[in-house]
N, C-alpha and C. Protein backbone atom coordinates (compact mmCIF):
# COMPACT_ATOMS: atom_id res chain seq x y z
N UNK A 1 34.84 24.81 26.26
CA UNK A 1 35.01 23.79 25.08
C UNK A 1 36.38 24.59 24.25
N UNK A 2 36.66 24.52 23.82
CA UNK A 2 38.36 24.67 23.40
C UNK A 2 37.81 25.00 21.79
N UNK A 3 37.86 26.34 21.21
CA UNK A 3 37.89 26.40 19.38
C UNK A 3 38.69 25.50 18.93
N UNK A 4 38.21 25.20 17.40
CA UNK A 4 39.00 24.48 16.83
C UNK A 4 40.43 25.14 16.40
N UNK A 5 41.32 24.02 16.27
CA UNK A 5 42.74 25.30 15.87
C UNK A 5 42.92 25.00 14.17
N UNK A 6 43.15 26.17 13.97
CA UNK A 6 43.25 26.93 12.64
C UNK A 6 44.19 26.33 12.46
N UNK A 7 45.47 25.93 12.55
CA UNK A 7 46.83 25.67 11.82
C UNK A 7 46.58 23.94 11.79
N UNK A 8 45.32 23.60 12.13
CA UNK A 8 45.72 22.18 11.78
C UNK A 8 44.71 21.93 10.47
N UNK A 9 44.77 20.69 9.69
CA UNK A 9 44.06 21.06 8.26
C UNK A 9 43.00 20.34 8.43
N UNK A 10 42.24 20.69 8.24
CA UNK A 10 40.86 19.92 7.95
C UNK A 10 40.49 18.91 7.22
N UNK A 11 41.35 18.38 5.61
CA UNK A 11 40.71 17.46 4.98
C UNK A 11 42.26 17.03 5.11
N UNK A 12 41.92 15.45 4.29
CA UNK A 12 43.08 15.04 3.73
C UNK A 12 42.20 14.02 2.37
N UNK A 13 43.30 14.14 1.21
CA UNK A 13 43.18 13.53 0.64
C UNK A 13 43.88 12.68 0.08
N UNK A 14 43.20 11.45 -0.60
CA UNK A 14 44.27 10.57 -0.60
C UNK A 14 44.15 10.09 -2.16
N UNK A 15 45.57 9.57 -2.71
CA UNK A 15 45.62 8.67 -3.99
C UNK A 15 45.30 7.85 -3.45
N UNK A 16 44.72 6.78 -4.47
CA UNK A 16 44.62 5.47 -4.22
C UNK A 16 45.30 4.22 -4.09
N UNK A 17 45.94 3.94 -6.03
CA UNK A 17 46.98 2.71 -5.77
C UNK A 17 48.08 3.29 -5.59
N UNK A 18 48.14 2.06 -4.27
CA UNK A 18 49.71 2.23 -3.79
C UNK A 18 49.80 2.82 -2.74
N UNK A 19 48.59 3.33 -2.14
CA UNK A 19 48.48 4.01 -1.35
C UNK A 19 47.34 3.69 0.07
N UNK A 20 45.92 3.33 -1.02
CA UNK A 20 45.11 2.87 -0.07
C UNK A 20 44.96 1.63 -0.61
N UNK A 21 45.04 1.12 -1.74
CA UNK A 21 45.24 -0.15 -2.38
C UNK A 21 46.85 -0.11 -3.02
N UNK A 22 46.81 -1.67 -3.00
CA UNK A 22 47.52 -2.40 -3.95
C UNK A 22 47.70 -2.67 -5.34
N UNK A 23 48.43 -1.92 -6.06
CA UNK A 23 48.41 -2.22 -7.73
C UNK A 23 49.40 -3.24 -8.55
N UNK A 24 49.54 -4.51 -9.08
CA UNK A 24 50.79 -5.37 -9.50
C UNK A 24 49.87 -5.32 -10.57
N UNK A 25 50.59 -4.71 -11.67
CA UNK A 25 50.60 -4.75 -13.45
C UNK A 25 50.35 -6.24 -13.84
N UNK A 26 50.97 -6.75 -13.46
CA UNK A 26 51.73 -7.97 -13.79
C UNK A 26 50.85 -8.74 -13.34
N UNK A 27 49.58 -8.66 -12.66
CA UNK A 27 49.09 -9.89 -12.00
C UNK A 27 48.21 -10.53 -12.81
N UNK A 28 47.39 -9.42 -13.94
CA UNK A 28 46.47 -10.24 -14.87
C UNK A 28 46.17 -11.68 -15.54
N UNK A 29 48.26 -11.23 -15.74
CA UNK A 29 48.64 -12.06 -17.07
C UNK A 29 49.50 -13.22 -16.15
N UNK A 30 49.72 -13.19 -14.37
CA UNK A 30 50.42 -13.81 -13.88
C UNK A 30 50.18 -15.72 -14.09
N UNK A 31 49.08 -15.78 -14.86
CA UNK A 31 48.65 -17.67 -15.14
C UNK A 31 49.40 -17.75 -16.04
N UNK A 32 50.37 -16.84 -17.03
CA UNK A 32 50.45 -17.16 -18.43
C UNK A 32 52.13 -16.20 -18.49
N UNK A 33 52.60 -15.81 -18.19
CA UNK A 33 53.97 -14.57 -17.98
C UNK A 33 54.59 -14.54 -16.78
N UNK A 34 55.47 -14.97 -16.98
CA UNK A 34 56.42 -14.44 -15.06
C UNK A 34 56.49 -13.30 -14.99
N UNK A 35 56.79 -12.37 -14.65
CA UNK A 35 57.65 -10.93 -13.87
C UNK A 35 57.63 -10.29 -14.55
N UNK A 36 59.22 -11.26 -14.80
CA UNK A 36 60.22 -10.93 -16.38
C UNK A 36 59.54 -10.65 -17.42
N UNK A 37 58.61 -11.72 -17.53
CA UNK A 37 57.82 -11.63 -19.16
C UNK A 37 57.17 -10.55 -19.70
N UNK A 38 56.50 -10.00 -18.20
CA UNK A 38 55.54 -8.65 -18.57
C UNK A 38 56.16 -8.14 -18.21
N UNK A 39 57.28 -7.89 -17.87
CA UNK A 39 58.34 -6.28 -17.69
C UNK A 39 59.22 -6.17 -19.06
N UNK A 40 59.26 -6.99 -19.63
CA UNK A 40 59.54 -7.22 -20.87
C UNK A 40 58.74 -6.87 -21.77
N UNK A 41 57.54 -7.58 -22.01
CA UNK A 41 55.97 -7.01 -22.72
C UNK A 41 55.77 -5.65 -22.09
N UNK A 42 55.84 -5.40 -20.87
CA UNK A 42 55.43 -4.16 -20.82
C UNK A 42 56.58 -2.60 -21.25
N UNK A 43 57.68 -3.42 -21.74
CA UNK A 43 58.81 -2.14 -22.52
C UNK A 43 58.28 -2.00 -23.56
N UNK A 44 58.13 -3.09 -24.15
CA UNK A 44 58.54 -3.32 -26.28
C UNK A 44 56.60 -3.25 -26.03
N UNK A 45 55.71 -2.92 -25.35
CA UNK A 45 54.17 -2.03 -25.63
C UNK A 45 54.33 -1.14 -25.52
N UNK A 46 54.94 -0.73 -24.39
CA UNK A 46 54.73 0.80 -23.63
C UNK A 46 53.78 0.60 -23.11
N UNK A 47 53.69 -0.13 -21.93
CA UNK A 47 52.40 -0.07 -21.42
C UNK A 47 52.13 1.18 -20.74
N UNK A 48 53.09 1.77 -19.83
CA UNK A 48 53.12 3.13 -19.32
C UNK A 48 52.13 4.46 -19.93
N UNK A 49 52.25 3.83 -21.83
CA UNK A 49 52.08 5.36 -22.03
C UNK A 49 50.43 4.70 -22.14
N UNK A 50 50.29 3.47 -22.77
CA UNK A 50 49.04 2.94 -22.61
C UNK A 50 48.19 3.04 -21.13
N UNK A 51 48.65 2.48 -19.94
CA UNK A 51 48.12 2.73 -19.09
C UNK A 51 47.71 4.47 -18.47
N UNK A 52 48.28 5.21 -18.80
CA UNK A 52 48.54 6.89 -18.60
C UNK A 52 47.18 7.16 -19.07
N UNK A 53 47.14 6.52 -20.64
CA UNK A 53 46.08 7.57 -21.71
C UNK A 53 44.59 6.40 -21.71
N UNK A 54 44.60 5.62 -21.11
CA UNK A 54 43.28 4.69 -19.93
C UNK A 54 42.99 6.05 -18.97
N UNK A 55 44.29 6.11 -18.37
CA UNK A 55 43.76 6.52 -16.61
C UNK A 55 43.51 8.47 -17.41
N UNK A 56 43.68 9.10 -18.37
CA UNK A 56 43.17 10.24 -18.89
C UNK A 56 41.93 10.15 -19.55
N UNK A 57 41.91 8.84 -19.74
CA UNK A 57 40.01 8.90 -19.88
C UNK A 57 39.47 8.27 -21.64
N UNK A 58 40.52 7.76 -21.85
CA UNK A 58 41.09 7.01 -23.47
C UNK A 58 39.96 5.12 -23.47
N UNK A 59 39.17 5.41 -23.76
CA UNK A 59 37.68 4.38 -23.79
C UNK A 59 38.83 2.60 -23.70
N UNK A 60 38.76 2.03 -23.08
CA UNK A 60 39.30 0.55 -22.65
C UNK A 60 39.49 -0.07 -24.55
N UNK A 61 38.51 0.07 -25.47
CA UNK A 61 38.19 -0.32 -26.22
C UNK A 61 39.60 -0.04 -27.48
N UNK A 62 39.47 1.48 -27.15
CA UNK A 62 40.67 2.27 -27.51
C UNK A 62 42.23 1.98 -27.83
N UNK A 63 42.37 1.70 -25.96
CA UNK A 63 43.82 1.20 -25.68
C UNK A 63 44.22 0.38 -26.42
N UNK A 64 43.41 -1.04 -26.69
CA UNK A 64 43.57 -2.53 -27.04
C UNK A 64 43.57 -2.40 -28.51
N UNK A 65 43.27 -1.24 -29.51
CA UNK A 65 43.23 -1.09 -30.84
C UNK A 65 44.77 -0.20 -30.93
N UNK A 66 45.14 0.67 -30.15
CA UNK A 66 46.24 1.67 -30.22
C UNK A 66 47.57 0.49 -30.31
N UNK A 67 47.61 -0.64 -29.22
CA UNK A 67 48.46 -1.54 -28.81
C UNK A 67 48.48 -3.05 -30.23
N UNK A 68 47.25 -3.25 -30.73
CA UNK A 68 47.02 -4.15 -31.82
C UNK A 68 47.86 -3.22 -32.77
N UNK A 69 47.66 -2.10 -33.49
CA UNK A 69 48.18 -1.06 -33.73
C UNK A 69 49.64 -1.72 -34.74
N UNK A 70 50.15 -1.80 -33.60
CA UNK A 70 51.73 -1.93 -32.85
C UNK A 70 51.72 -3.43 -33.21
N UNK A 71 51.53 -4.26 -32.75
CA UNK A 71 51.57 -5.93 -32.88
C UNK A 71 50.06 -6.49 -32.41
N UNK A 72 49.42 -7.33 -33.16
CA UNK A 72 48.25 -8.24 -32.72
C UNK A 72 48.46 -8.68 -31.39
N UNK A 73 49.78 -9.07 -30.94
CA UNK A 73 50.03 -9.69 -29.95
C UNK A 73 49.81 -9.00 -28.90
N UNK A 74 50.18 -7.47 -28.86
CA UNK A 74 50.18 -6.83 -28.06
C UNK A 74 48.48 -6.25 -27.50
N UNK A 75 47.79 -6.50 -28.74
CA UNK A 75 46.38 -6.08 -28.52
C UNK A 75 45.75 -7.55 -27.80
N UNK A 76 45.76 -8.22 -27.65
CA UNK A 76 45.52 -9.50 -27.48
C UNK A 76 46.05 -9.31 -25.62
N UNK A 77 47.42 -9.17 -25.15
CA UNK A 77 47.58 -8.79 -24.02
C UNK A 77 46.81 -7.99 -23.21
N UNK A 78 46.81 -7.06 -24.13
CA UNK A 78 46.16 -5.82 -23.49
C UNK A 78 44.54 -5.70 -22.90
N UNK A 79 44.08 -6.75 -24.10
CA UNK A 79 42.59 -6.88 -23.63
C UNK A 79 42.52 -7.90 -22.85
N UNK A 80 43.29 -8.89 -22.69
CA UNK A 80 43.12 -9.59 -21.65
C UNK A 80 43.62 -9.03 -20.21
N UNK A 81 44.23 -8.15 -20.04
CA UNK A 81 44.57 -7.27 -19.23
C UNK A 81 43.54 -6.70 -17.68
N UNK A 82 42.83 -5.96 -19.35
CA UNK A 82 41.67 -5.37 -18.71
C UNK A 82 40.13 -6.23 -18.10
N UNK A 83 40.52 -7.15 -19.01
CA UNK A 83 39.23 -8.09 -18.89
C UNK A 83 39.34 -8.65 -17.48
N UNK A 84 40.66 -8.64 -16.88
CA UNK A 84 41.07 -9.65 -16.10
C UNK A 84 41.82 -8.53 -15.19
N UNK A 85 41.23 -7.21 -15.45
CA UNK A 85 41.83 -6.01 -14.63
C UNK A 85 41.77 -6.57 -12.81
N UNK A 86 40.85 -6.83 -11.87
CA UNK A 86 40.50 -7.15 -10.97
C UNK A 86 41.56 -7.89 -10.15
N UNK A 87 42.56 -8.82 -10.95
CA UNK A 87 43.35 -9.62 -10.63
C UNK A 87 45.00 -8.55 -10.28
N UNK A 88 44.49 -7.45 -10.90
CA UNK A 88 46.44 -6.51 -10.79
C UNK A 88 45.79 -5.96 -9.43
N UNK A 89 44.79 -5.68 -8.69
CA UNK A 89 44.13 -5.45 -7.19
C UNK A 89 44.75 -6.09 -6.32
N UNK A 90 45.53 -6.25 -5.21
CA UNK A 90 46.58 -7.24 -4.39
C UNK A 90 45.67 -6.61 -3.14
N UNK A 91 45.02 -5.90 -3.37
CA UNK A 91 44.27 -5.41 -1.61
C UNK A 91 44.34 -4.60 -0.89
N UNK A 92 43.88 -4.04 -0.55
CA UNK A 92 44.48 -2.48 0.72
C UNK A 92 45.75 -3.08 1.34
N UNK A 93 46.48 -1.67 1.19
CA UNK A 93 48.02 -1.31 1.83
C UNK A 93 47.50 -1.46 3.19
N UNK A 94 49.17 -1.65 3.60
CA UNK A 94 48.41 -2.36 5.42
C UNK A 94 49.01 -1.44 6.25
N UNK A 95 48.01 -1.49 7.27
CA UNK A 95 47.84 -0.08 7.99
C UNK A 95 46.67 1.08 7.66
N UNK A 96 46.77 0.77 6.32
CA UNK A 96 45.94 2.53 5.95
C UNK A 96 44.76 2.17 6.10
N UNK A 97 43.68 1.30 6.39
CA UNK A 97 42.63 1.18 6.66
C UNK A 97 42.34 1.81 8.15
N UNK A 98 43.26 1.58 8.94
CA UNK A 98 43.18 2.00 10.09
C UNK A 98 43.73 3.62 10.67
N UNK A 99 44.49 4.20 9.30
CA UNK A 99 44.88 5.36 9.16
C UNK A 99 43.44 6.11 9.00
N UNK A 100 42.84 5.52 7.95
CA UNK A 100 41.72 6.22 7.13
C UNK A 100 40.23 5.76 8.64
N UNK A 101 40.17 4.91 9.33
CA UNK A 101 39.36 4.66 10.18
C UNK A 101 39.49 6.14 11.50
N UNK A 102 40.56 6.08 11.67
CA UNK A 102 41.09 7.19 12.54
C UNK A 102 41.12 8.67 12.13
N UNK A 103 41.06 9.00 11.02
CA UNK A 103 40.96 10.50 10.68
C UNK A 103 39.20 10.85 10.67
N UNK A 104 38.74 9.57 10.25
CA UNK A 104 37.08 9.80 10.13
C UNK A 104 36.62 9.85 11.48
N UNK A 105 36.72 9.41 12.23
CA UNK A 105 36.48 9.29 14.00
C UNK A 105 36.89 10.37 14.37
N UNK A 106 38.09 11.26 13.88
CA UNK A 106 38.45 12.36 14.87
C UNK A 106 37.45 13.73 14.30
N UNK A 107 36.70 13.51 12.88
CA UNK A 107 36.18 14.61 12.17
C UNK A 107 36.91 14.87 10.87
N UNK A 108 37.73 14.70 10.71
CA UNK A 108 38.39 15.05 9.58
C UNK A 108 38.01 14.82 8.32
N UNK A 109 37.74 15.61 7.39
CA UNK A 109 36.90 15.28 5.88
C UNK A 109 38.25 14.83 5.24
N UNK A 110 37.75 13.52 4.38
CA UNK A 110 38.25 12.55 3.28
C UNK A 110 37.69 12.04 2.24
N UNK A 111 38.99 12.61 1.01
CA UNK A 111 38.50 12.46 -0.17
C UNK A 111 39.80 11.81 -0.92
N UNK A 112 39.06 11.30 -2.26
CA UNK A 112 40.63 10.96 -2.89
C UNK A 112 40.63 11.22 -4.46
N UNK A 113 41.61 11.46 -4.79
CA UNK A 113 41.79 11.62 -6.25
C UNK A 113 42.65 10.80 -6.65
N UNK A 114 42.66 10.05 -7.91
CA UNK A 114 43.17 9.25 -8.66
C UNK A 114 43.76 9.00 -9.95
N UNK A 115 44.51 8.74 -10.32
CA UNK A 115 44.50 8.04 -11.61
C UNK A 115 43.99 7.43 -11.83
N UNK A 116 42.96 6.53 -12.84
CA UNK A 116 42.43 5.56 -13.03
C UNK A 116 41.09 5.61 -13.85
N UNK A 117 41.61 4.67 -14.56
CA UNK A 117 40.41 4.48 -15.39
C UNK A 117 39.29 4.17 -15.36
N UNK A 118 38.29 5.32 -16.18
CA UNK A 118 36.57 5.39 -15.37
C UNK A 118 36.14 3.95 -15.86
N UNK A 119 36.70 2.85 -16.57
CA UNK A 119 35.80 1.75 -16.80
C UNK A 119 36.24 0.71 -16.06
N UNK A 120 37.03 1.10 -15.10
CA UNK A 120 37.97 0.02 -14.18
C UNK A 120 37.36 0.40 -13.09
N UNK A 121 37.81 1.42 -12.91
CA UNK A 121 37.27 1.86 -11.32
C UNK A 121 36.56 1.13 -10.10
N UNK A 122 35.34 0.79 -10.67
CA UNK A 122 33.98 0.03 -10.05
C UNK A 122 35.32 -1.26 -9.24
N UNK A 123 36.63 -1.57 -9.51
CA UNK A 123 36.93 -3.03 -8.96
C UNK A 123 37.32 -2.00 -7.52
N UNK A 124 37.69 -1.11 -7.31
CA UNK A 124 38.72 -0.70 -6.29
C UNK A 124 37.52 -0.36 -4.90
N UNK A 125 36.81 -0.68 -4.45
CA UNK A 125 36.33 -0.10 -3.32
C UNK A 125 35.69 -1.80 -2.98
N UNK A 126 35.94 -2.91 -3.82
CA UNK A 126 35.96 -4.17 -3.65
C UNK A 126 36.76 -4.30 -2.94
N UNK A 127 38.17 -4.31 -3.33
CA UNK A 127 39.60 -4.51 -3.47
C UNK A 127 40.30 -4.48 -1.94
N UNK A 128 40.08 -2.75 -1.88
CA UNK A 128 39.85 -1.52 -0.38
C UNK A 128 39.01 -1.41 0.26
N UNK A 129 38.33 -2.24 1.18
CA UNK A 129 36.55 -1.20 1.34
C UNK A 129 37.01 0.20 2.07
N UNK A 130 38.32 0.65 2.62
CA UNK A 130 38.26 1.76 3.03
C UNK A 130 37.88 3.17 2.03
N UNK A 131 38.32 2.49 0.97
CA UNK A 131 37.90 3.77 -0.34
C UNK A 131 36.54 3.99 0.45
N UNK A 132 35.60 2.95 0.25
CA UNK A 132 33.90 3.66 0.07
C UNK A 132 33.72 4.50 2.24
N UNK A 133 34.87 4.57 2.53
CA UNK A 133 35.18 5.67 3.36
C UNK A 133 35.47 7.10 3.27
N UNK A 134 35.60 7.18 1.95
CA UNK A 134 35.90 8.55 1.58
C UNK A 134 34.62 8.95 1.08
N UNK A 135 34.31 10.55 1.44
CA UNK A 135 33.21 11.27 1.00
C UNK A 135 33.00 10.95 -0.57
N UNK A 136 34.44 11.53 -1.40
CA UNK A 136 33.99 11.20 -2.60
C UNK A 136 35.55 10.85 -3.27
N UNK A 137 35.32 10.69 -4.41
CA UNK A 137 36.52 10.34 -5.21
C UNK A 137 36.66 10.93 -6.51
N UNK A 138 37.71 11.90 -7.34
CA UNK A 138 38.15 12.52 -8.10
C UNK A 138 38.72 11.70 -8.85
N UNK A 139 38.11 10.77 -9.84
CA UNK A 139 38.66 10.23 -10.94
C UNK A 139 39.15 10.54 -12.23
N UNK A 140 40.68 10.59 -12.33
CA UNK A 140 40.90 10.83 -13.40
C UNK A 140 40.19 10.58 -14.64
N UNK A 141 39.92 9.13 -14.90
CA UNK A 141 39.38 8.60 -16.51
C UNK A 141 38.23 9.51 -16.50
N UNK A 142 37.15 9.83 -15.39
CA UNK A 142 35.61 10.43 -15.96
C UNK A 142 36.21 11.92 -16.20
N UNK A 143 37.08 12.84 -15.40
CA UNK A 143 37.41 13.80 -15.87
C UNK A 143 37.96 14.37 -17.14
N UNK A 144 38.73 13.00 -17.72
CA UNK A 144 39.98 13.21 -18.66
C UNK A 144 40.88 14.17 -18.51
N UNK A 145 41.45 14.35 -17.12
CA UNK A 145 42.48 14.70 -17.00
C UNK A 145 43.55 14.14 -15.67
N UNK A 146 44.77 14.00 -16.19
CA UNK A 146 45.68 13.44 -14.88
C UNK A 146 46.88 14.15 -13.93
N UNK A 147 46.93 13.50 -13.16
CA UNK A 147 47.83 14.05 -12.15
C UNK A 147 49.51 13.58 -12.92
N UNK A 148 50.39 14.33 -12.99
CA UNK A 148 50.02 15.52 -12.15
C UNK A 148 50.02 16.84 -12.61
N UNK A 149 49.15 16.84 -14.26
CA UNK A 149 48.37 18.31 -14.28
C UNK A 149 47.66 19.27 -13.31
N UNK A 150 48.15 20.36 -13.09
CA UNK A 150 47.39 21.14 -12.35
C UNK A 150 46.00 21.41 -12.00
N UNK A 151 45.23 21.13 -13.97
CA UNK A 151 43.88 21.61 -13.63
C UNK A 151 42.56 20.56 -12.95
N UNK A 152 43.79 18.79 -12.55
CA UNK A 152 42.87 18.26 -11.81
C UNK A 152 43.00 18.47 -10.25
N UNK A 153 43.68 19.62 -10.01
CA UNK A 153 43.75 19.90 -8.81
C UNK A 153 43.20 20.82 -8.77
N UNK A 154 42.56 21.73 -9.51
CA UNK A 154 41.70 22.73 -9.88
C UNK A 154 40.18 22.21 -9.67
N UNK A 155 40.23 20.90 -10.55
CA UNK A 155 38.42 20.00 -10.54
C UNK A 155 38.52 20.06 -8.68
N UNK A 156 39.16 19.43 -8.29
CA UNK A 156 39.00 18.94 -6.33
C UNK A 156 38.87 20.05 -5.68
N UNK A 157 39.85 21.05 -5.76
CA UNK A 157 39.80 22.29 -5.27
C UNK A 157 38.03 22.66 -5.12
N UNK A 158 37.62 23.53 -6.60
CA UNK A 158 36.39 23.79 -6.69
C UNK A 158 35.11 22.93 -6.25
N UNK A 159 35.68 21.77 -6.57
CA UNK A 159 34.46 20.72 -6.52
C UNK A 159 33.91 20.59 -5.55
N UNK A 160 34.71 20.81 -4.34
CA UNK A 160 34.97 19.94 -2.81
C UNK A 160 35.29 21.65 -1.95
N UNK A 161 35.18 23.15 -2.69
CA UNK A 161 35.29 23.90 -1.80
C UNK A 161 36.21 23.92 -1.30
N UNK A 162 37.94 23.70 -1.45
CA UNK A 162 38.71 23.14 -0.52
C UNK A 162 39.11 24.50 -0.46
N UNK A 163 40.47 24.70 0.78
CA UNK A 163 41.37 25.26 0.60
C UNK A 163 42.46 24.85 1.34
N UNK A 164 43.27 25.04 0.26
CA UNK A 164 44.45 23.72 -0.26
C UNK A 164 45.13 23.94 0.89
N UNK A 165 45.75 25.52 1.67
CA UNK A 165 46.49 25.60 2.72
C UNK A 165 46.01 24.97 3.95
N UNK A 166 44.81 24.34 4.00
CA UNK A 166 44.27 23.40 4.94
C UNK A 166 43.97 21.98 4.55
N UNK A 167 44.37 21.61 3.77
CA UNK A 167 44.17 20.24 2.80
C UNK A 167 45.30 19.61 2.21
N UNK A 168 45.32 18.02 3.31
CA UNK A 168 46.71 17.51 3.07
C UNK A 168 46.59 16.33 1.47
N UNK A 169 47.57 16.76 0.97
CA UNK A 169 47.58 15.06 0.08
C UNK A 169 48.20 14.38 0.09
N UNK A 170 48.22 13.18 -0.11
CA UNK A 170 48.94 11.84 0.17
C UNK A 170 49.32 11.55 -0.96
N UNK A 171 50.35 11.18 -1.67
CA UNK A 171 50.45 10.22 -2.95
C UNK A 171 51.72 9.68 -2.90
N UNK A 172 52.03 8.28 -3.95
CA UNK A 172 53.66 8.18 -3.75
C UNK A 172 54.00 8.01 -4.70
N UNK A 173 53.61 9.30 -5.87
CA UNK A 173 54.52 9.37 -6.73
C UNK A 173 55.19 10.98 -6.43
N UNK A 174 56.74 11.62 -6.69
CA UNK A 174 56.86 13.02 -6.09
C UNK A 174 56.42 14.32 -6.86
N UNK A 175 56.22 13.32 -8.23
CA UNK A 175 55.92 14.62 -8.99
C UNK A 175 54.57 14.64 -8.41
N UNK A 176 53.65 14.06 -8.42
CA UNK A 176 52.52 14.85 -7.97
C UNK A 176 52.01 15.31 -6.95
N UNK A 177 53.09 14.95 -5.97
CA UNK A 177 53.16 15.84 -4.89
C UNK A 177 53.85 17.27 -4.85
N UNK A 178 54.50 17.23 -5.69
CA UNK A 178 55.44 18.40 -6.07
C UNK A 178 54.18 19.49 -6.84
N UNK A 179 53.55 18.98 -7.63
CA UNK A 179 52.29 19.89 -8.41
C UNK A 179 51.29 19.87 -7.36
N UNK A 180 50.81 19.31 -6.44
CA UNK A 180 49.82 19.67 -5.36
C UNK A 180 50.95 20.66 -4.36
N UNK A 181 52.23 20.66 -4.23
CA UNK A 181 52.63 22.15 -3.15
C UNK A 181 52.41 23.03 -4.07
N UNK A 182 52.86 23.02 -5.52
CA UNK A 182 52.65 24.14 -6.31
C UNK A 182 51.16 25.19 -6.21
N UNK A 183 50.94 24.52 -6.01
CA UNK A 183 48.68 24.80 -5.68
C UNK A 183 48.84 25.48 -4.26
N UNK A 184 49.28 25.38 -3.56
CA UNK A 184 49.55 25.48 -1.96
C UNK A 184 49.19 24.53 -1.01
N UNK A 185 48.35 22.73 -1.37
CA UNK A 185 48.56 21.99 -0.66
C UNK A 185 49.78 21.49 -0.16
N UNK A 186 49.12 20.94 0.84
CA UNK A 186 50.21 20.19 2.35
C UNK A 186 50.37 19.00 1.49
N UNK A 187 51.69 18.62 0.76
CA UNK A 187 51.82 17.54 0.23
C UNK A 187 52.49 16.38 1.15
N UNK A 188 52.56 15.20 1.07
CA UNK A 188 52.43 14.12 1.53
C UNK A 188 53.43 13.00 0.49
N UNK A 189 54.63 12.57 0.80
CA UNK A 189 54.65 11.50 -0.22
C UNK A 189 55.13 10.23 0.56
N UNK A 190 53.71 9.30 -0.07
CA UNK A 190 53.86 7.78 0.71
C UNK A 190 54.65 6.61 0.77
N UNK A 191 55.03 6.42 1.49
CA UNK A 191 55.68 4.76 1.63
C UNK A 191 55.62 4.07 2.10
N UNK A 192 54.49 4.34 3.60
CA UNK A 192 54.47 2.94 4.41
C UNK A 192 53.43 3.92 5.13
N UNK A 193 52.33 3.24 5.87
CA UNK A 193 51.07 3.02 7.26
C UNK A 193 51.83 4.50 8.03
N UNK A 194 53.31 3.21 8.54
CA UNK A 194 53.53 4.52 10.07
C UNK A 194 54.70 5.28 9.71
N UNK A 195 55.26 5.69 8.18
CA UNK A 195 55.35 6.81 8.28
C UNK A 195 54.16 7.94 8.01
N UNK A 196 53.23 7.91 7.47
CA UNK A 196 52.70 8.42 7.41
C UNK A 196 51.46 9.08 8.72
N UNK A 197 51.62 7.96 9.24
CA UNK A 197 50.95 8.31 11.05
C UNK A 197 51.56 8.94 11.37
N UNK A 198 53.04 9.37 11.19
CA UNK A 198 53.85 10.48 11.75
C UNK A 198 54.33 11.65 11.45
N UNK A 199 53.96 11.56 10.40
CA UNK A 199 54.05 13.02 9.11
C UNK A 199 52.31 13.48 9.76
N UNK A 200 51.20 12.57 9.51
CA UNK A 200 49.62 13.19 10.18
C UNK A 200 50.01 13.86 11.60
N UNK A 201 50.63 12.85 12.72
CA UNK A 201 50.35 13.63 13.98
C UNK A 201 51.52 14.91 14.34
N UNK A 202 52.22 14.86 13.38
CA UNK A 202 53.28 16.58 13.02
C UNK A 202 52.65 17.28 13.04
N UNK A 203 51.29 16.88 12.21
CA UNK A 203 50.41 18.09 11.43
C UNK A 203 48.99 18.41 12.71
N UNK A 204 48.99 17.54 13.52
CA UNK A 204 47.78 17.45 14.97
C UNK A 204 46.82 16.50 13.92
N UNK A 205 46.81 15.67 13.17
CA UNK A 205 45.95 15.05 12.89
C UNK A 205 45.82 13.71 13.45
N UNK A 206 46.36 13.12 14.15
CA UNK A 206 46.30 11.94 14.41
C UNK A 206 47.62 12.30 15.52
N UNK A 207 47.08 11.45 16.79
CA UNK A 207 47.98 11.62 18.14
C UNK A 207 48.96 10.91 18.10
N UNK A 208 50.15 11.20 18.23
CA UNK A 208 51.34 10.62 18.55
C UNK A 208 51.50 9.45 18.21
N UNK A 209 52.42 8.48 18.21
CA UNK A 209 52.27 7.08 18.41
C UNK A 209 53.98 6.32 18.21
N UNK A 210 54.30 5.50 19.20
CA UNK A 210 55.63 5.09 19.49
C UNK A 210 55.86 4.21 18.31
N UNK A 211 54.74 3.61 17.74
CA UNK A 211 54.84 2.39 17.42
C UNK A 211 56.06 2.99 16.22
């Protein structure tokens, strides 16, 4: 029996949003606002900053209060967004459940590292069951740290005793991949399952495919 190849990574860490599970922030209000109206609202209310604060561990009640302090209507919309949060999740990203299954079957260790609010994270595995196949997930809202802060990568490394040089990190945001690479991880920018398959095959983790 051949010995394991020490050049092949042992672990793959997945971001979740728009890697394993689709996320459309306009979904919770889709019955009240068009996509264009949501974009206008998101810009006006600085939804990106509110969402990042939630991901960093600020309680939802405080996020709603911050929005309402700017404009009561903003508070109402943000409150409704969180009440209906599951409607922002569009289901599994095409082809990724199969990638996770094949990696797991091959004996690769699988983990998650996600910028996600602690109070809404429970919706994720129901919408994308492949998340349940991961050994564990480091959730930013629980740690009160968010990517690309190196500190959350240190939490990941220490908690699971990882060797970054043999750990693949998959994320759809180049800034997060850059942060991981600076810490010695093998970083792969996610675009779609087929491209990821090629990248993982190149690392010896999956069989090459002609698809």
